[in-house]
Amino acid sequence: MTVTTQTIQPALPGAATPGIDDYPAIDAIDRAIIVATQGGLPLVARPYHAIAAGLQLQPQQVMERMLRMQQAGVIRRLGVVPNHYAIGYRANGMSVWDVADELVDQLGAAVGKLEFVSHCYCRPRHLPQWRYNLFAMVHGKSREEVEQQAAQISGLLGSHARAHTILYSTRILKKTGLRLNHDAVKTQDRQSSKNMRA
C-alpha cells in the first residue's frame, strides 16, 4: 500500500483549464517537500516527522506547508493507493456508462458516494466509436461480485443509463501522479538564487 500526494488538477468538462499563473508561487522548501512526497509518504508511525528529518525541517513546518499547498490547489489530495490484487481483489472493473451530458455531474456524484466505487469521473465521448462519458471503478474478489456492483450502479442510474459495459484490468500498471525532476528543481533553485542576488 502506498500513501500518495497528487500535485495535478483535473480538467473538468466545461471548466476553464487552470493556467500557470492561477496557482500561488511555491518556494524551494515547498518543492523539496513535493519531491520528498511524490513517491508516497513513508509507511511509518509519524510520516511527516520522517519527511521533516530528511529535509532538516520541523515536522510542524512540513504539515503546515502541505496543508497550505493543498488548500491552494497545488496538492490536490492525499490518498491511499492500495494494491488491490495483494489484498484479494482480483477482479477490477472500470464500469463505463452512457448518460446525458447535462446529468453527468449529478449522477457521477451519486455513483461516487457508493461504498464500493473507488473513483468516479466523467470523460469526453468519442463518437461514434466511444459513447460512454461516466466512469466508475469497482473492485471485487470475482467478476461476479463486480457485475453485482455494476447492477447496483445501474439500479441507481435507472433509465438515465442508456448503455454500459465493464472493462476489466488485465495487468497492474504503476500508478503515479505528476513527478518533479529533483535535479531540475535543484538547478531551478540555484538559478532563482542567482537572479535574486543580481
C-alpha atoms as a PDB file:
ATOM      1  CA  MET A   1       0.000   0.000   0.000  1.00  0.00           C
ATOM      2  CA  THR A   2       1.275   3.479  -0.813  1.00  0.00           C
ATOM      3  CA  VAL A   3       0.172   6.819   0.558  1.00  0.00           C
ATOM      4  CA  THR A   4       0.467   9.359  -2.231  1.00  0.00           C
ATOM      5  CA  THR A   5       0.181  13.042  -2.908  1.00  0.00           C
ATOM      6  CA  GLN A   6      -1.184  14.245  -6.226  1.00  0.00           C
ATOM      7  CA  THR A   7       0.008  17.597  -7.459  1.00  0.00           C
ATOM      8  CA  ILE A   8      -2.132  17.803 -10.576  1.00  0.00           C
ATOM      9  CA  GLN A   9      -5.512  19.365 -11.118  1.00  0.00           C
ATOM     10  CA  PRO A  10      -8.216  17.528 -13.078  1.00  0.00           C
ATOM     11  CA  ALA A  11      -9.671  19.082 -16.200  1.00  0.00           C
ATOM     12  CA  LEU A  12     -13.395  19.180 -15.553  1.00  0.00           C
ATOM     13  CA  PRO A  13     -15.734  19.315 -18.532  1.00  0.00           C
ATOM     14  CA  GLY A  14     -16.892  22.860 -19.147  1.00  0.00           C
ATOM     15  CA  ALA A  15     -14.422  24.320 -16.651  1.00  0.00           C
ATOM     16  CA  ALA A  16     -11.559  26.580 -17.625  1.00  0.00           C
ATOM     17  CA  THR A  17      -8.229  24.800 -17.505  1.00  0.00           C
ATOM     18  CA  PRO A  18      -6.069  26.463 -14.849  1.00  0.00           C
ATOM     19  CA  GLY A  19      -3.050  28.281 -16.210  1.00  0.00           C
ATOM     20  CA  ILE A  20       0.377  28.509 -14.629  1.00  0.00           C
ATOM     21  CA  ASP A  21      -0.477  31.954 -13.200  1.00  0.00           C
ATOM     22  CA  ASP A  22      -3.606  30.654 -11.451  1.00  0.00           C
ATOM     23  CA  TYR A  23      -1.575  28.895  -8.730  1.00  0.00           C
ATOM     24  CA  PRO A  24       0.381  30.563  -5.939  1.00  0.00           C
ATOM     25  CA  ALA A  25       4.158  30.611  -6.160  1.00  0.00           C
ATOM     26  CA  ILE A  26       5.930  27.850  -4.307  1.00  0.00           C
ATOM     27  CA  ASP A  27       9.399  28.226  -2.894  1.00  0.00           C
ATOM     28  CA  ALA A  28      12.379  25.889  -2.682  1.00  0.00           C
ATOM     29  CA  ILE A  29      11.124  24.313   0.555  1.00  0.00           C
ATOM     30  CA  ASP A  30       7.688  23.603  -0.960  1.00  0.00           C
ATOM     31  CA  ARG A  31       9.350  21.998  -3.998  1.00  0.00           C
ATOM     32  CA  ALA A  32      11.588  19.900  -1.742  1.00  0.00           C
ATOM     33  CA  ILE A  33       8.516  18.683   0.185  1.00  0.00           C
ATOM     34  CA  ILE A  34       6.756  17.798  -3.094  1.00  0.00           C
ATOM     35  CA  VAL A  35       9.817  15.891  -4.350  1.00  0.00           C
ATOM     36  CA  ALA A  36      10.116  14.075  -0.993  1.00  0.00           C
ATOM     37  CA  THR A  37       6.449  13.012  -1.003  1.00  0.00           C
ATOM     38  CA  GLN A  38       5.677  12.449  -4.682  1.00  0.00           C
ATOM     39  CA  GLY A  39       6.610   8.771  -4.469  1.00  0.00           C
ATOM     40  CA  GLY A  40       4.415   8.311  -1.408  1.00  0.00           C
ATOM     41  CA  LEU A  41       4.572   9.065   2.278  1.00  0.00           C
ATOM     42  CA  PRO A  42       6.851   6.853   4.362  1.00  0.00           C
ATOM     43  CA  LEU A  43       4.957   3.937   5.904  1.00  0.00           C
ATOM     44  CA  VAL A  44       5.968   4.756   9.461  1.00  0.00           C
ATOM     45  CA  ALA A  45       4.005   5.837  12.524  1.00  0.00           C
ATOM     46  CA  ARG A  46       4.944   9.511  12.033  1.00  0.00           C
ATOM     47  CA  PRO A  47       5.477  10.099   8.288  1.00  0.00           C
ATOM     48  CA  TYR A  48       5.640  13.895   8.486  1.00  0.00           C
ATOM     49  CA  HIS A  49       8.374  13.636  11.099  1.00  0.00           C
ATOM     50  CA  ALA A  50      10.362  11.319   8.809  1.00  0.00           C
ATOM     51  CA  ILE A  51       9.971  13.744   5.876  1.00  0.00           C
ATOM     52  CA  ALA A  52      10.977  16.658   8.108  1.00  0.00           C
ATOM     53  CA  ALA A  53      14.087  14.826   9.316  1.00  0.00           C
ATOM     54  CA  GLY A  54      15.132  14.083   5.738  1.00  0.00           C
ATOM     55  CA  LEU A  55      14.717  17.734   4.755  1.00  0.00           C
ATOM     56  CA  GLN A  56      16.156  19.156   8.002  1.00  0.00           C
ATOM     57  CA  LEU A  57      12.849  20.867   8.811  1.00  0.00           C
ATOM     58  CA  GLN A  58      10.495  20.802  11.760  1.00  0.00           C
ATOM     59  CA  PRO A  59       7.536  18.365  11.417  1.00  0.00           C
ATOM     60  CA  GLN A  60       5.051  21.179  12.087  1.00  0.00           C
ATOM     61  CA  GLN A  61       6.594  23.157   9.217  1.00  0.00           C
ATOM     62  CA  VAL A  62       6.110  20.233   6.814  1.00  0.00           C
ATOM     63  CA  MET A  63       2.493  19.716   7.917  1.00  0.00           C
ATOM     64  CA  GLU A  64       1.643  23.419   7.684  1.00  0.00           C
ATOM     65  CA  ARG A  65       3.203  23.777   4.236  1.00  0.00           C
ATOM     66  CA  MET A  66       1.466  20.663   2.905  1.00  0.00           C
ATOM     67  CA  LEU A  67      -1.872  21.898   4.250  1.00  0.00           C
ATOM     68  CA  ARG A  68      -1.311  25.332   2.668  1.00  0.00           C
ATOM     69  CA  MET A  69      -0.389  23.751  -0.677  1.00  0.00           C
ATOM     70  CA  GLN A  70      -3.480  21.537  -0.517  1.00  0.00           C
ATOM     71  CA  GLN A  71      -5.738  24.493   0.315  1.00  0.00           C
ATOM     72  CA  ALA A  72      -4.202  26.478  -2.575  1.00  0.00           C
ATOM     73  CA  GLY A  73      -4.708  23.608  -5.046  1.00  0.00           C
ATOM     74  CA  VAL A  74      -1.002  22.889  -5.545  1.00  0.00           C
ATOM     75  CA  ILE A  75      -1.512  19.479  -3.935  1.00  0.00           C
ATOM     76  CA  ARG A  76      -4.882  18.119  -4.994  1.00  0.00           C
ATOM     77  CA  ARG A  77      -5.247  15.410  -2.402  1.00  0.00           C
ATOM     78  CA  LEU A  78      -3.553  12.922  -0.104  1.00  0.00           C
ATOM     79  CA  GLY A  79      -4.760   9.392  -0.547  1.00  0.00           C
ATOM     80  CA  VAL A  80      -4.058   5.729  -0.054  1.00  0.00           C
ATOM     81  CA  VAL A  81      -3.378   3.680  -3.185  1.00  0.00           C
ATOM     82  CA  PRO A  82      -3.764   0.007  -2.274  1.00  0.00           C
ATOM     83  CA  ASN A  83      -2.552  -2.864  -4.398  1.00  0.00           C
ATOM     84  CA  HIS A  84      -5.985  -4.440  -4.930  1.00  0.00           C
ATOM     85  CA  TYR A  85      -4.533  -7.758  -6.066  1.00  0.00           C
ATOM     86  CA  ALA A  86      -2.431  -8.079  -2.900  1.00  0.00           C
ATOM     87  CA  ILE A  87      -5.480  -7.601  -0.661  1.00  0.00           C
ATOM     88  CA  GLY A  88      -7.583 -10.169  -2.508  1.00  0.00           C
ATOM     89  CA  TYR A  89      -9.480  -8.085  -5.057  1.00  0.00           C
ATOM     90  CA  ARG A  90      -8.631  -9.921  -8.278  1.00  0.00           C
ATOM     91  CA  ALA A  91     -11.470  -8.528 -10.402  1.00  0.00           C
ATOM     92  CA  ASN A  92     -11.019  -4.822 -11.058  1.00  0.00           C
ATOM     93  CA  GLY A  93     -13.553  -3.348 -13.437  1.00  0.00           C
ATOM     94  CA  MET A  94     -13.966   0.112 -14.877  1.00  0.00           C
ATOM     95  CA  SER A  95     -17.690   0.383 -15.405  1.00  0.00           C
ATOM     96  CA  VAL A  96     -18.464   2.888 -18.154  1.00  0.00           C
ATOM     97  CA  TRP A  97     -21.870   4.490 -18.622  1.00  0.00           C
ATOM     98  CA  ASP A  98     -23.666   6.468 -21.300  1.00  0.00           C
ATOM     99  CA  VAL A  99     -25.669   9.156 -19.504  1.00  0.00           C
ATOM    100  CA  ALA A 100     -26.952  12.537 -20.640  1.00  0.00           C
ATOM    101  CA  ASP A 101     -24.157  15.116 -20.562  1.00  0.00           C
ATOM    102  CA  GLU A 102     -26.322  17.588 -18.657  1.00  0.00           C
ATOM    103  CA  LEU A 103     -26.792  14.999 -15.856  1.00  0.00           C
ATOM    104  CA  VAL A 104     -23.286  13.553 -15.701  1.00  0.00           C
ATOM    105  CA  ASP A 105     -22.129  15.686 -12.742  1.00  0.00           C
ATOM    106  CA  GLN A 106     -25.230  14.958 -10.668  1.00  0.00           C
ATOM    107  CA  LEU A 107     -25.252  11.240 -11.493  1.00  0.00           C
ATOM    108  CA  GLY A 108     -21.490  10.934 -11.065  1.00  0.00           C
ATOM    109  CA  ALA A 109     -21.707  12.469  -7.589  1.00  0.00           C
ATOM    110  CA  ALA A 110     -24.329   9.882  -6.606  1.00  0.00           C
ATOM    111  CA  VAL A 111     -22.316   6.972  -8.042  1.00  0.00           C
ATOM    112  CA  GLY A 112     -19.117   8.251  -6.415  1.00  0.00           C
ATOM    113  CA  LYS A 113     -20.756   8.025  -2.979  1.00  0.00           C
ATOM    114  CA  LEU A 114     -21.280   4.266  -3.305  1.00  0.00           C
ATOM    115  CA  GLU A 115     -19.049   2.435  -0.839  1.00  0.00           C
ATOM    116  CA  PHE A 116     -17.625   0.037  -3.425  1.00  0.00           C
ATOM    117  CA  VAL A 117     -16.707   2.718  -6.023  1.00  0.00           C
ATOM    118  CA  SER A 118     -13.046   3.675  -5.580  1.00  0.00           C
ATOM    119  CA  HIS A 119     -13.168   6.556  -8.040  1.00  0.00           C
ATOM    120  CA  CYS A 120     -15.685   8.078 -10.392  1.00  0.00           C
ATOM    121  CA  TYR A 121     -15.264  10.739 -13.072  1.00  0.00           C
ATOM    122  CA  CYS A 122     -16.546  11.914 -16.428  1.00  0.00           C
ATOM    123  CA  ARG A 123     -14.632  11.817 -19.686  1.00  0.00           C
ATOM    124  CA  PRO A 124     -15.458  13.054 -23.170  1.00  0.00           C
ATOM    125  CA  ARG A 125     -17.213  10.798 -25.616  1.00  0.00           C
ATOM    126  CA  HIS A 126     -15.517   9.882 -28.898  1.00  0.00           C
ATOM    127  CA  LEU A 127     -18.464   9.220 -31.167  1.00  0.00           C
ATOM    128  CA  PRO A 128     -19.230   7.046 -32.951  1.00  0.00           C
ATOM    129  CA  GLN A 129     -16.595   4.651 -31.521  1.00  0.00           C
ATOM    130  CA  TRP A 130     -16.996   5.507 -27.817  1.00  0.00           C
ATOM    131  CA  ARG A 131     -20.318   6.613 -26.374  1.00  0.00           C
ATOM    132  CA  TYR A 132     -19.511   6.447 -22.658  1.00  0.00           C
ATOM    133  CA  ASN A 133     -18.992   9.566 -20.534  1.00  0.00           C
ATOM    134  CA  LEU A 134     -19.281   8.384 -16.899  1.00  0.00           C
ATOM    135  CA  PHE A 135     -16.615   6.083 -15.452  1.00  0.00           C
ATOM    136  CA  ALA A 136     -16.766   4.268 -12.089  1.00  0.00           C
ATOM    137  CA  MET A 137     -14.012   1.919 -10.905  1.00  0.00           C
ATOM    138  CA  VAL A 138     -15.140  -1.051  -8.808  1.00  0.00           C
ATOM    139  CA  HIS A 139     -13.185  -3.906  -7.240  1.00  0.00           C
ATOM    140  CA  GLY A 140     -14.288  -7.389  -6.290  1.00  0.00           C
ATOM    141  CA  LYS A 141     -12.916 -10.779  -5.406  1.00  0.00           C
ATOM    142  CA  SER A 142     -14.550 -12.141  -8.552  1.00  0.00           C
ATOM    143  CA  ARG A 143     -16.078 -10.870 -11.769  1.00  0.00           C
ATOM    144  CA  GLU A 144     -19.468 -11.917 -10.431  1.00  0.00           C
ATOM    145  CA  GLU A 145     -19.022  -9.533  -7.490  1.00  0.00           C
ATOM    146  CA  VAL A 146     -18.031  -6.697  -9.855  1.00  0.00           C
ATOM    147  CA  GLU A 147     -21.092  -7.431 -12.007  1.00  0.00           C
ATOM    148  CA  GLN A 148     -23.310  -7.266  -8.904  1.00  0.00           C
ATOM    149  CA  GLN A 149     -21.803  -3.885  -8.065  1.00  0.00           C
ATOM    150  CA  ALA A 150     -22.405  -2.675 -11.630  1.00  0.00           C
ATOM    151  CA  ALA A 151     -26.001  -3.841 -11.283  1.00  0.00           C
ATOM    152  CA  GLN A 152     -26.321  -1.644  -8.186  1.00  0.00           C
ATOM    153  CA  ILE A 153     -24.961   1.321 -10.146  1.00  0.00           C
ATOM    154  CA  SER A 154     -27.438   0.510 -12.905  1.00  0.00           C
ATOM    155  CA  GLY A 155     -30.258   0.491 -10.362  1.00  0.00           C
ATOM    156  CA  LEU A 156     -29.152   3.855  -9.030  1.00  0.00           C
ATOM    157  CA  LEU A 157     -28.911   5.402 -12.501  1.00  0.00           C
ATOM    158  CA  GLY A 158     -32.173   3.849 -13.641  1.00  0.00           C
ATOM    159  CA  SER A 159     -33.368   4.977 -17.061  1.00  0.00           C
ATOM    160  CA  HIS A 160     -30.595   7.612 -17.164  1.00  0.00           C
ATOM    161  CA  ALA A 161     -28.156   4.799 -18.040  1.00  0.00           C
ATOM    162  CA  ARG A 162     -28.648   4.366 -21.771  1.00  0.00           C
ATOM    163  CA  ALA A 163     -25.848   1.786 -22.048  1.00  0.00           C
ATOM    164  CA  HIS A 164     -22.901   0.458 -20.071  1.00  0.00           C
ATOM    165  CA  THR A 165     -20.136  -2.096 -20.078  1.00  0.00           C
ATOM    166  CA  ILE A 166     -17.306  -3.191 -17.780  1.00  0.00           C
ATOM    167  CA  LEU A 167     -13.653  -3.069 -18.784  1.00  0.00           C
ATOM    168  CA  TYR A 168     -11.611  -5.480 -16.658  1.00  0.00           C
ATOM    169  CA  SER A 169      -7.971  -4.945 -15.746  1.00  0.00           C
ATOM    170  CA  THR A 170      -5.628  -7.458 -17.329  1.00  0.00           C
ATOM    171  CA  ARG A 171      -2.410  -6.262 -15.665  1.00  0.00           C
ATOM    172  CA  ILE A 172      -1.218  -3.894 -12.967  1.00  0.00           C
ATOM    173  CA  LEU A 173       0.209  -0.582 -14.093  1.00  0.00           C
ATOM    174  CA  LYS A 174       2.232   1.631 -11.793  1.00  0.00           C
ATOM    175  CA  LYS A 175       0.027   4.456 -10.539  1.00  0.00           C
ATOM    176  CA  THR A 176       1.818   7.761 -10.256  1.00  0.00           C
ATOM    177  CA  GLY A 177       0.920  11.413 -10.341  1.00  0.00           C
ATOM    178  CA  LEU A 178       2.935  14.303 -11.654  1.00  0.00           C
ATOM    179  CA  ARG A 179       6.647  13.940 -10.856  1.00  0.00           C
ATOM    180  CA  LEU A 180       9.090  16.790 -10.393  1.00  0.00           C
ATOM    181  CA  ASN A 181      12.647  16.102 -11.520  1.00  0.00           C
ATOM    182  CA  HIS A 182      14.761  16.512  -8.390  1.00  0.00           C
ATOM    183  CA  ASP A 183      17.857  17.647 -10.366  1.00  0.00           C
ATOM    184  CA  ALA A 184      15.796  20.189 -12.318  1.00  0.00           C
ATOM    185  CA  VAL A 185      14.407  21.527  -9.031  1.00  0.00           C
ATOM    186  CA  LYS A 186      17.951  21.983  -7.703  1.00  0.00           C
ATOM    187  CA  THR A 187      19.018  23.746 -10.921  1.00  0.00           C
ATOM    188  CA  GLN A 188      15.949  25.998 -10.814  1.00  0.00           C
ATOM    189  CA  ASP A 189      16.606  26.846  -7.168  1.00  0.00           C
ATOM    190  CA  ARG A 190      20.245  27.731  -7.904  1.00  0.00           C
ATOM    191  CA  GLN A 191      19.133  29.889 -10.845  1.00  0.00           C
ATOM    192  CA  SER A 192      16.485  31.625  -8.684  1.00  0.00           C
ATOM    193  CA  SER A 193      19.121  32.340  -6.019  1.00  0.00           C
ATOM    194  CA  LYS A 194      21.457  33.825  -8.648  1.00  0.00           C
ATOM    195  CA  ASN A 195      18.679  36.021 -10.019  1.00  0.00           C
ATOM    196  CA  MET A 196      17.806  37.287  -6.541  1.00  0.00           C
ATOM    197  CA  ARG A 197      21.449  38.234  -5.885  1.00  0.00           C
ATOM    198  CA  ALA A 198      21.824  40.034  -9.240  1.00  0.00           C
END
